[in-house]
Amino acid sequence: MKIYLIIAILIIVGGAYLFGNQVAQRKCETRVAQNQTSEIIQTISMQRETDEKVYNTGVRDIRRILHTKYTIAE
């Protein structure tokens, strides 16, 4: 009778360990997915800000910037 009790306790402990391992794995996957999502959102917002700056910059302004930046120095 004692051996059955010991075996049952070992099975319960082993099952709890495996279940806890699966829960920890899912939490890790969730955390990684959230981090990737926040990085993607941050990249998109940076791209949007850059696009707005480029869109609002006129052709004359771009020519002026390029002319002052890339003229041949004396």
Protein backbone atom coordinates (compact mmCIF):
# COMPACT_ATOMS: atom_id res chain seq x y z
CA MET A 1 0.00 0.00 0.00
CA LYS A 2 2.84 2.38 0.83
CA ILE A 3 4.46 1.79 -2.55
CA TYR A 4 1.27 2.83 -4.34
CA LEU A 5 1.15 6.02 -2.29
CA ILE A 6 4.80 6.82 -3.09
CA ILE A 7 4.23 6.13 -6.79
CA ALA A 8 1.10 8.32 -6.81
CA ILE A 9 2.98 11.18 -5.12
CA LEU A 10 5.85 10.86 -7.61
CA ILE A 11 3.41 10.91 -10.53
CA ILE A 12 1.68 14.01 -9.12
CA VAL A 13 4.99 15.79 -8.55
CA GLY A 14 6.22 14.84 -12.04
CA GLY A 15 2.97 16.00 -13.62
CA ALA A 16 3.10 19.29 -11.73
CA TYR A 17 6.69 19.81 -12.91
CA LEU A 18 5.79 19.16 -16.54
CA PHE A 19 2.69 21.35 -16.32
CA GLY A 20 4.71 24.17 -14.73
CA ASN A 21 7.32 23.85 -17.45
CA GLN A 22 4.65 24.22 -20.15
CA VAL A 23 3.15 27.27 -18.42
CA ALA A 24 6.59 28.90 -18.19
CA GLN A 25 7.22 28.15 -21.88
CA ARG A 26 3.93 29.80 -22.89
CA LYS A 27 4.67 32.86 -20.74
CA CYS A 28 8.09 33.18 -22.38
CA GLU A 29 6.58 32.91 -25.87
CA THR A 30 3.99 35.55 -24.96
CA ARG A 31 6.67 37.89 -23.65
CA VAL A 32 8.77 37.48 -26.80
CA ALA A 33 5.74 38.12 -29.02
CA GLN A 34 4.88 41.28 -27.05
CA ASN A 35 8.46 42.54 -27.37
CA GLN A 36 8.47 41.91 -31.11
CA THR A 37 5.13 43.68 -31.48
CA SER A 38 6.34 46.74 -29.59
CA GLU A 39 9.53 46.86 -31.71
CA ILE A 40 7.46 46.68 -34.91
CA ILE A 41 5.15 49.44 -33.68
CA GLN A 42 8.14 51.60 -32.77
CA THR A 43 9.73 51.03 -36.19
CA ILE A 44 6.49 51.89 -37.98
CA SER A 45 6.06 55.10 -35.98
CA MET A 46 9.66 56.13 -36.75
CA GLN A 47 9.09 55.43 -40.45
CA ARG A 48 5.85 57.44 -40.36
CA GLU A 49 7.64 60.44 -38.79
CA THR A 50 10.38 60.23 -41.41
CA ASP A 51 7.85 60.00 -44.22
CA GLU A 52 5.98 63.05 -42.88
CA LYS A 53 9.22 65.07 -42.75
CA VAL A 54 10.12 64.07 -46.31
CA TYR A 55 6.58 64.69 -47.59
CA ASN A 56 6.45 68.17 -46.01
CA THR A 57 9.87 69.15 -47.38
CA GLY A 58 9.61 70.96 -50.70
CA VAL A 59 11.75 70.32 -53.77
CA ARG A 60 13.46 73.70 -53.47
CA ASP A 61 14.38 72.98 -49.89
CA ILE A 62 15.85 69.61 -50.85
CA ARG A 63 17.86 71.23 -53.66
CA ARG A 64 19.16 73.89 -51.27
CA ILE A 65 20.19 71.30 -48.68
CA LEU A 66 21.94 69.16 -51.29
CA HIS A 67 23.62 72.19 -52.85
CA THR A 68 25.03 73.43 -49.53
CA LYS A 69 26.02 69.97 -48.38
CA TYR A 70 27.64 68.62 -51.55
CA THR A 71 29.20 71.60 -53.33
CA ILE A 72 32.85 71.44 -54.25
CA ALA A 73 34.89 73.39 -51.76
CA GLU A 74 37.47 75.87 -53.00
